C-alpha atoms as a PDB file:
ATOM      1  CA  UNK A   1      76.399 -76.501-185.885  1.00  0.00           C
ATOM      2  CA  UNK A   2      79.205 -74.527-187.509  1.00  0.00           C
ATOM      3  CA  UNK A   3      82.546 -76.877-187.429  1.00  0.00           C
ATOM      4  CA  UNK A   4      84.432 -76.228-189.934  1.00  0.00           C
ATOM      5  CA  UNK A   5      82.951 -72.627-190.639  1.00  0.00           C
ATOM      6  CA  UNK A   6      84.958 -70.156-192.195  1.00  0.00           C
ATOM      7  CA  UNK A   7      82.768 -67.554-190.545  1.00  0.00           C
ATOM      8  CA  UNK A   8      85.676 -64.508-189.084  1.00  0.00           C
ATOM      9  CA  UNK A   9      87.500 -65.333-186.174  1.00  0.00           C
ATOM     10  CA  UNK A  10      88.027 -61.969-184.099  1.00  0.00           C
ATOM     11  CA  UNK A  11      89.698 -62.107-180.891  1.00  0.00           C
ATOM     12  CA  UNK A  12      88.467 -59.242-178.466  1.00  0.00           C
ATOM     13  CA  UNK A  13      91.610 -58.818-175.629  1.00  0.00           C
ATOM     14  CA  UNK A  14      94.340 -57.348-174.910  1.00  0.00           C
ATOM     15  CA  UNK A  15      97.786 -59.015-176.070  1.00  0.00           C
ATOM     16  CA  UNK A  16      99.740 -57.987-172.791  1.00  0.00           C
ATOM     17  CA  UNK A  17      96.793 -59.902-170.776  1.00  0.00           C
ATOM     18  CA  UNK A  18      97.573 -63.896-169.701  1.00  0.00           C
ATOM     19  CA  UNK A  19      94.627 -65.154-170.759  1.00  0.00           C
ATOM     20  CA  UNK A  20      94.597 -63.727-174.108  1.00  0.00           C
ATOM     21  CA  UNK A  21      98.174 -65.012-174.785  1.00  0.00           C
ATOM     22  CA  UNK A  22      96.404 -68.368-173.741  1.00  0.00           C
ATOM     23  CA  UNK A  23      93.872 -68.338-176.419  1.00  0.00           C
ATOM     24  CA  UNK A  24      96.150 -67.219-179.252  1.00  0.00           C
ATOM     25  CA  UNK A  25      98.535 -70.027-178.244  1.00  0.00           C
ATOM     26  CA  UNK A  26      95.582 -72.400-178.942  1.00  0.00           C
ATOM     27  CA  UNK A  27      94.491 -70.115-181.786  1.00  0.00           C
ATOM     28  CA  UNK A  28      98.007 -69.905-183.201  1.00  0.00           C
ATOM     29  CA  UNK A  29      98.723 -74.238-182.530  1.00  0.00           C
ATOM     30  CA  UNK A  30      95.544 -74.840-183.922  1.00  0.00           C
ATOM     31  CA  UNK A  31      96.092 -73.364-187.376  1.00  0.00           C
ATOM     32  CA  UNK A  32      93.175 -70.331-187.220  1.00  0.00           C
ATOM     33  CA  UNK A  33      93.365 -67.056-188.735  1.00  0.00           C
ATOM     34  CA  UNK A  34      91.928 -64.574-186.679  1.00  0.00           C
ATOM     35  CA  UNK A  35      92.225 -60.627-186.022  1.00  0.00           C
ATOM     36  CA  UNK A  36      92.935 -59.276-182.702  1.00  0.00           C
ATOM     37  CA  UNK A  37      90.798 -56.902-181.638  1.00  0.00           C
ATOM     38  CA  UNK A  38      92.103 -54.274-178.553  1.00  0.00           C
ATOM     39  CA  UNK A  39      90.295 -55.064-175.463  1.00  0.00           C
ATOM     40  CA  UNK A  40      91.241 -53.598-172.311  1.00  0.00           C
ATOM     41  CA  UNK A  41      88.658 -53.003-169.753  1.00  0.00           C
ATOM     42  CA  UNK A  42      91.074 -51.026-167.511  1.00  0.00           C
ATOM     43  CA  UNK A  43      91.791 -48.403-170.167  1.00  0.00           C
ATOM     44  CA  UNK A  44      89.289 -45.259-170.584  1.00  0.00           C
ATOM     45  CA  UNK A  45      86.337 -46.205-173.105  1.00  0.00           C
ATOM     46  CA  UNK A  46      83.727 -47.689-173.977  1.00  0.00           C
ATOM     47  CA  UNK A  47      83.215 -51.641-172.951  1.00  0.00           C
ATOM     48  CA  UNK A  48      83.463 -54.561-174.616  1.00  0.00           C
ATOM     49  CA  UNK A  49      81.590 -57.684-175.429  1.00  0.00           C
ATOM     50  CA  UNK A  50      81.967 -59.787-172.054  1.00  0.00           C
ATOM     51  CA  UNK A  51      79.036 -58.952-169.693  1.00  0.00           C
ATOM     52  CA  UNK A  52      81.464 -58.528-167.316  1.00  0.00           C
ATOM     53  CA  UNK A  53      84.181 -55.969-168.974  1.00  0.00           C
ATOM     54  CA  UNK A  54      86.516 -58.901-168.594  1.00  0.00           C
ATOM     55  CA  UNK A  55      88.936 -60.842-171.841  1.00  0.00           C
ATOM     56  CA  UNK A  56      89.105 -62.686-173.580  1.00  0.00           C
ATOM     57  CA  UNK A  57      86.013 -63.050-176.134  1.00  0.00           C
ATOM     58  CA  UNK A  58      86.176 -64.877-179.205  1.00  0.00           C
ATOM     59  CA  UNK A  59      83.857 -64.223-181.733  1.00  0.00           C
ATOM     60  CA  UNK A  60      83.101 -66.644-184.749  1.00  0.00           C
ATOM     61  CA  UNK A  61      80.475 -65.231-187.825  1.00  0.00           C
ATOM     62  CA  UNK A  62      77.570 -64.611-185.075  1.00  0.00           C
ATOM     63  CA  UNK A  63      78.555 -67.017-182.150  1.00  0.00           C
ATOM     64  CA  UNK A  64      80.501 -65.494-179.140  1.00  0.00           C
ATOM     65  CA  UNK A  65      81.921 -67.258-176.416  1.00  0.00           C
ATOM     66  CA  UNK A  66      83.732 -66.077-173.285  1.00  0.00           C
ATOM     67  CA  UNK A  67      85.497 -68.066-170.423  1.00  0.00           C
ATOM     68  CA  UNK A  68      88.816 -68.540-171.345  1.00  0.00           C
ATOM     69  CA  UNK A  69      88.996 -72.802-170.931  1.00  0.00           C
ATOM     70  CA  UNK A  70      85.529 -72.682-172.728  1.00  0.00           C
ATOM     71  CA  UNK A  71      86.951 -70.767-175.418  1.00  0.00           C
ATOM     72  CA  UNK A  72      89.968 -73.213-176.162  1.00  0.00           C
ATOM     73  CA  UNK A  73      87.686 -76.024-175.804  1.00  0.00           C
ATOM     74  CA  UNK A  74      85.119 -74.282-179.065  1.00  0.00           C
ATOM     75  CA  UNK A  75      89.093 -74.081-180.565  1.00  0.00           C
ATOM     76  CA  UNK A  76      89.928 -77.560-180.744  1.00  0.00           C
ATOM     77  CA  UNK A  77      86.457 -78.687-181.178  1.00  0.00           C
ATOM     78  CA  UNK A  78      85.280 -76.448-184.122  1.00  0.00           C
ATOM     79  CA  UNK A  79      88.299 -75.820-186.650  1.00  0.00           C
ATOM     80  CA  UNK A  80      90.030 -78.425-187.922  1.00  0.00           C
ATOM     81  CA  UNK A  81      93.377 -78.982-187.408  1.00  0.00           C
ATOM     82  CA  UNK A  82      95.521 -80.914-185.181  1.00  0.00           C
ATOM     83  CA  UNK A  83      93.755 -81.795-182.179  1.00  0.00           C
ATOM     84  CA  UNK A  84      94.922 -80.110-178.890  1.00  0.00           C
ATOM     85  CA  UNK A  85      93.634 -82.477-176.795  1.00  0.00           C
ATOM     86  CA  UNK A  86      95.116 -86.385-175.341  1.00  0.00           C
ATOM     87  CA  UNK A  87      93.606 -89.595-177.028  1.00  0.00           C
ATOM     88  CA  UNK A  88      93.227 -90.898-173.197  1.00  0.00           C
ATOM     89  CA  UNK A  89      91.247 -90.864-170.626  1.00  0.00           C
ATOM     90  CA  UNK A  90      94.731 -90.430-168.456  1.00  0.00           C
ATOM     91  CA  UNK A  91      95.860 -87.577-170.475  1.00  0.00           C
ATOM     92  CA  UNK A  92      92.629 -85.960-170.362  1.00  0.00           C
ATOM     93  CA  UNK A  93      92.168 -86.289-166.662  1.00  0.00           C
ATOM     94  CA  UNK A  94      95.667 -84.711-166.563  1.00  0.00           C
ATOM     95  CA  UNK A  95      95.111 -81.726-169.141  1.00  0.00           C
ATOM     96  CA  UNK A  96      91.733 -80.480-167.366  1.00  0.00           C
ATOM     97  CA  UNK A  97      93.669 -81.274-163.921  1.00  0.00           C
ATOM     98  CA  UNK A  98      96.266 -79.049-165.133  1.00  0.00           C
ATOM     99  CA  UNK A  99      94.068 -76.324-166.510  1.00  0.00           C
ATOM    100  CA  UNK A 100      92.318 -75.951-163.310  1.00  0.00           C
ATOM    101  CA  UNK A 101      95.473 -75.716-160.928  1.00  0.00           C
ATOM    102  CA  UNK A 102      97.268 -72.890-163.298  1.00  0.00           C
ATOM    103  CA  UNK A 103      93.801 -70.811-162.851  1.00  0.00           C
ATOM    104  CA  UNK A 104      92.693 -71.905-159.122  1.00  0.00           C
ATOM    105  CA  UNK A 105      96.431 -72.076-157.987  1.00  0.00           C
ATOM    106  CA  UNK A 106      98.902 -70.878-160.210  1.00  0.00           C
ATOM    107  CA  UNK A 107      98.018 -67.478-161.580  1.00  0.00           C
ATOM    108  CA  UNK A 108      96.720 -65.075-158.224  1.00  0.00           C
ATOM    109  CA  UNK A 109     100.545 -65.758-156.751  1.00  0.00           C
ATOM    110  CA  UNK A 110     102.766 -66.246-160.058  1.00  0.00           C
ATOM    111  CA  UNK A 111     101.121 -63.567-162.135  1.00  0.00           C
ATOM    112  CA  UNK A 112      99.010 -61.230-160.218  1.00  0.00           C
ATOM    113  CA  UNK A 113     101.793 -61.091-157.607  1.00  0.00           C
ATOM    114  CA  UNK A 114     105.284 -61.792-157.900  1.00  0.00           C
ATOM    115  CA  UNK A 115     104.455 -60.613-162.096  1.00  0.00           C
ATOM    116  CA  UNK A 116     102.167 -57.998-161.637  1.00  0.00           C
ATOM    117  CA  UNK A 117     104.283 -56.259-158.794  1.00  0.00           C
ATOM    118  CA  UNK A 118     107.545 -57.409-159.448  1.00  0.00           C
ATOM    119  CA  UNK A 119     107.582 -56.509-163.365  1.00  0.00           C
ATOM    120  CA  UNK A 120     105.284 -55.000-164.386  1.00  0.00           C
ATOM    121  CA  UNK A 121     104.309 -52.046-161.987  1.00  0.00           C
ATOM    122  CA  UNK A 122     107.991 -51.749-161.369  1.00  0.00           C
ATOM    123  CA  UNK A 123     108.978 -51.470-165.324  1.00  0.00           C
ATOM    124  CA  UNK A 124     106.508 -48.884-165.458  1.00  0.00           C
ATOM    125  CA  UNK A 125     107.080 -46.986-161.865  1.00  0.00           C
ATOM    126  CA  UNK A 126     103.824 -47.553-161.308  1.00  0.00           C
ATOM    127  CA  UNK A 127     103.554 -47.719-156.819  1.00  0.00           C
ATOM    128  CA  UNK A 128     105.007 -51.404-156.476  1.00  0.00           C
ATOM    129  CA  UNK A 129     103.707 -53.834-153.212  1.00  0.00           C
ATOM    130  CA  UNK A 130     107.130 -55.655-152.271  1.00  0.00           C
ATOM    131  CA  UNK A 131     105.097 -57.847-149.836  1.00  0.00           C
ATOM    132  CA  UNK A 132     102.861 -59.237-153.115  1.00  0.00           C
ATOM    133  CA  UNK A 133     106.227 -60.136-154.926  1.00  0.00           C
ATOM    134  CA  UNK A 134     107.566 -62.201-151.652  1.00  0.00           C
ATOM    135  CA  UNK A 135     104.136 -62.965-150.793  1.00  0.00           C
ATOM    136  CA  UNK A 136     104.029 -64.136-154.251  1.00  0.00           C
ATOM    137  CA  UNK A 137     106.778 -66.448-154.786  1.00  0.00           C
ATOM    138  CA  UNK A 138     106.543 -68.156-151.535  1.00  0.00           C
ATOM    139  CA  UNK A 139     102.654 -69.411-152.959  1.00  0.00           C
ATOM    140  CA  UNK A 140     104.150 -70.725-155.551  1.00  0.00           C
ATOM    141  CA  UNK A 141     106.991 -72.792-155.116  1.00  0.00           C
ATOM    142  CA  UNK A 142     103.930 -75.870-154.321  1.00  0.00           C
ATOM    143  CA  UNK A 143     102.415 -75.519-157.532  1.00  0.00           C
ATOM    144  CA  UNK A 144     105.455 -75.935-159.113  1.00  0.00           C
ATOM    145  CA  UNK A 145     106.364 -78.479-157.480  1.00  0.00           C
ATOM    146  CA  UNK A 146     103.338 -80.113-158.774  1.00  0.00           C
ATOM    147  CA  UNK A 147     103.297 -79.216-161.982  1.00  0.00           C
ATOM    148  CA  UNK A 148     106.922 -80.830-162.146  1.00  0.00           C
ATOM    149  CA  UNK A 149     105.974 -84.065-161.013  1.00  0.00           C
ATOM    150  CA  UNK A 150     102.899 -83.828-163.606  1.00  0.00           C
ATOM    151  CA  UNK A 151     105.343 -82.309-166.564  1.00  0.00           C
ATOM    152  CA  UNK A 152     108.305 -85.980-165.088  1.00  0.00           C
ATOM    153  CA  UNK A 153     104.927 -87.982-165.607  1.00  0.00           C
ATOM    154  CA  UNK A 154     104.718 -87.147-169.101  1.00  0.00           C
ATOM    155  CA  UNK A 155     100.347 -87.723-169.363  1.00  0.00           C
ATOM    156  CA  UNK A 156     100.776 -83.781-170.363  1.00  0.00           C
ATOM    157  CA  UNK A 157     103.439 -80.898-170.474  1.00  0.00           C
ATOM    158  CA  UNK A 158     105.574 -83.622-171.919  1.00  0.00           C
ATOM    159  CA  UNK A 159     107.214 -81.343-174.726  1.00  0.00           C
ATOM    160  CA  UNK A 160     106.043 -84.052-177.544  1.00  0.00           C
ATOM    161  CA  UNK A 161     102.409 -82.010-178.700  1.00  0.00           C
ATOM    162  CA  UNK A 162     101.105 -79.499-177.609  1.00  0.00           C
ATOM    163  CA  UNK A 163      97.860 -79.234-175.613  1.00  0.00           C
ATOM    164  CA  UNK A 164      95.617 -77.203-173.946  1.00  0.00           C
ATOM    165  CA  UNK A 165      97.173 -77.684-171.082  1.00  0.00           C
ATOM    166  CA  UNK A 166     100.562 -76.145-172.191  1.00  0.00           C
ATOM    167  CA  UNK A 167      98.139 -72.828-173.655  1.00  0.00           C
ATOM    168  CA  UNK A 168      96.585 -72.461-170.802  1.00  0.00           C
ATOM    169  CA  UNK A 169     100.066 -72.301-168.948  1.00  0.00           C
ATOM    170  CA  UNK A 170     102.985 -71.459-170.286  1.00  0.00           C
ATOM    171  CA  UNK A 171     101.808 -68.071-170.458  1.00  0.00           C
ATOM    172  CA  UNK A 172     102.129 -67.615-166.780  1.00  0.00           C
ATOM    173  CA  UNK A 173     105.008 -69.716-166.087  1.00  0.00           C
ATOM    174  CA  UNK A 174     107.086 -67.468-168.571  1.00  0.00           C
ATOM    175  CA  UNK A 175     105.165 -64.392-166.977  1.00  0.00           C
ATOM    176  CA  UNK A 176     106.275 -65.071-163.895  1.00  0.00           C
ATOM    177  CA  UNK A 177     109.722 -66.002-165.211  1.00  0.00           C
ATOM    178  CA  UNK A 178     110.859 -62.890-165.954  1.00  0.00           C
ATOM    179  CA  UNK A 179     111.097 -62.526-162.348  1.00  0.00           C
ATOM    180  CA  UNK A 180     114.501 -63.263-161.506  1.00  0.00           C
ATOM    181  CA  UNK A 181     114.281 -65.115-158.366  1.00  0.00           C
ATOM    182  CA  UNK A 182     110.627 -66.486-160.247  1.00  0.00           C
ATOM    183  CA  UNK A 183     113.044 -67.594-163.073  1.00  0.00           C
ATOM    184  CA  UNK A 184     115.506 -69.417-160.816  1.00  0.00           C
ATOM    185  CA  UNK A 185     112.756 -71.067-158.694  1.00  0.00           C
ATOM    186  CA  UNK A 186     111.539 -72.526-162.107  1.00  0.00           C
ATOM    187  CA  UNK A 187     115.051 -73.695-162.687  1.00  0.00           C
ATOM    188  CA  UNK A 188     114.847 -75.769-159.788  1.00  0.00           C
ATOM    189  CA  UNK A 189     112.551 -78.175-161.539  1.00  0.00           C
ATOM    190  CA  UNK A 190     114.309 -79.466-163.981  1.00  0.00           C
ATOM    191  CA  UNK A 191     111.352 -81.176-165.497  1.00  0.00           C
ATOM    192  CA  UNK A 192     109.166 -78.619-165.670  1.00  0.00           C
ATOM    193  CA  UNK A 193     112.030 -76.222-166.832  1.00  0.00           C
ATOM    194  CA  UNK A 194     112.882 -78.404-169.973  1.00  0.00           C
ATOM    195  CA  UNK A 195     109.049 -78.238-170.483  1.00  0.00           C
ATOM    196  CA  UNK A 196     109.230 -74.398-170.716  1.00  0.00           C
ATOM    197  CA  UNK A 197     112.321 -74.140-172.828  1.00  0.00           C
ATOM    198  CA  UNK A 198     110.619 -76.177-175.458  1.00  0.00           C
ATOM    199  CA  UNK A 199     106.611 -74.698-175.411  1.00  0.00           C
ATOM    200  CA  UNK A 200     109.049 -71.259-175.386  1.00  0.00           C
ATOM    201  CA  UNK A 201     109.963 -72.010-178.863  1.00  0.00           C
ATOM    202  CA  UNK A 202     106.898 -73.293-180.468  1.00  0.00           C
ATOM    203  CA  UNK A 203     105.571 -70.830-183.499  1.00  0.00           C
ATOM    204  CA  UNK A 204     102.026 -70.947-180.652  1.00  0.00           C
ATOM    205  CA  UNK A 205     104.348 -69.386-177.755  1.00  0.00           C
ATOM    206  CA  UNK A 206     106.095 -67.344-180.199  1.00  0.00           C
ATOM    207  CA  UNK A 207     102.711 -65.540-181.941  1.00  0.00           C
ATOM    208  CA  UNK A 208     101.009 -64.903-178.964  1.00  0.00           C
ATOM    209  CA  UNK A 209     103.222 -64.218-176.143  1.00  0.00           C
ATOM    210  CA  UNK A 210     107.146 -63.543-177.706  1.00  0.00           C
ATOM    211  CA  UNK A 211     108.904 -63.171-174.847  1.00  0.00           C
END
């Protein structure tokens, strides 16, 4: 209904948010100009446009959409530019699989446990829980193993062109790798480690994540 429209694009979120970074990566990779409107549900003040007080939310003219995977798919479909999805059924299936793995198995141990407690809370001088870091590291290992196998297979996470799988996963693995033990763990998986080095050099990653 609005594909190719030049309406204003606004991303409501905050750059420290992993899922905001995911959408920013997709927007930059697609070549979409956008404004980032700061909305942090954890800060005092009025809530943003998300009905459940979460982020991110993408506003394209009078159309708004939330849920990260839905947003990134909309970005790829609604705007001209390079395709951010593989062109074959196997690649599409692996992309969807990586996105689901990132959401269901990677985000909680790697970001909310290891990174949040071992990096964010520790650096901010907020109470942090060593057991959360330990448990996060332990739970992350089988996830990294599976992702390494997929990177080695080469349908996605292949260092050839950026896809929505790269956008969904890269901010999570990069956050996890800020923890010294997390970085050492990622380095044990050669294919995944090479992929992270490649994606970290992309314009999309540098502008969205900036580590």
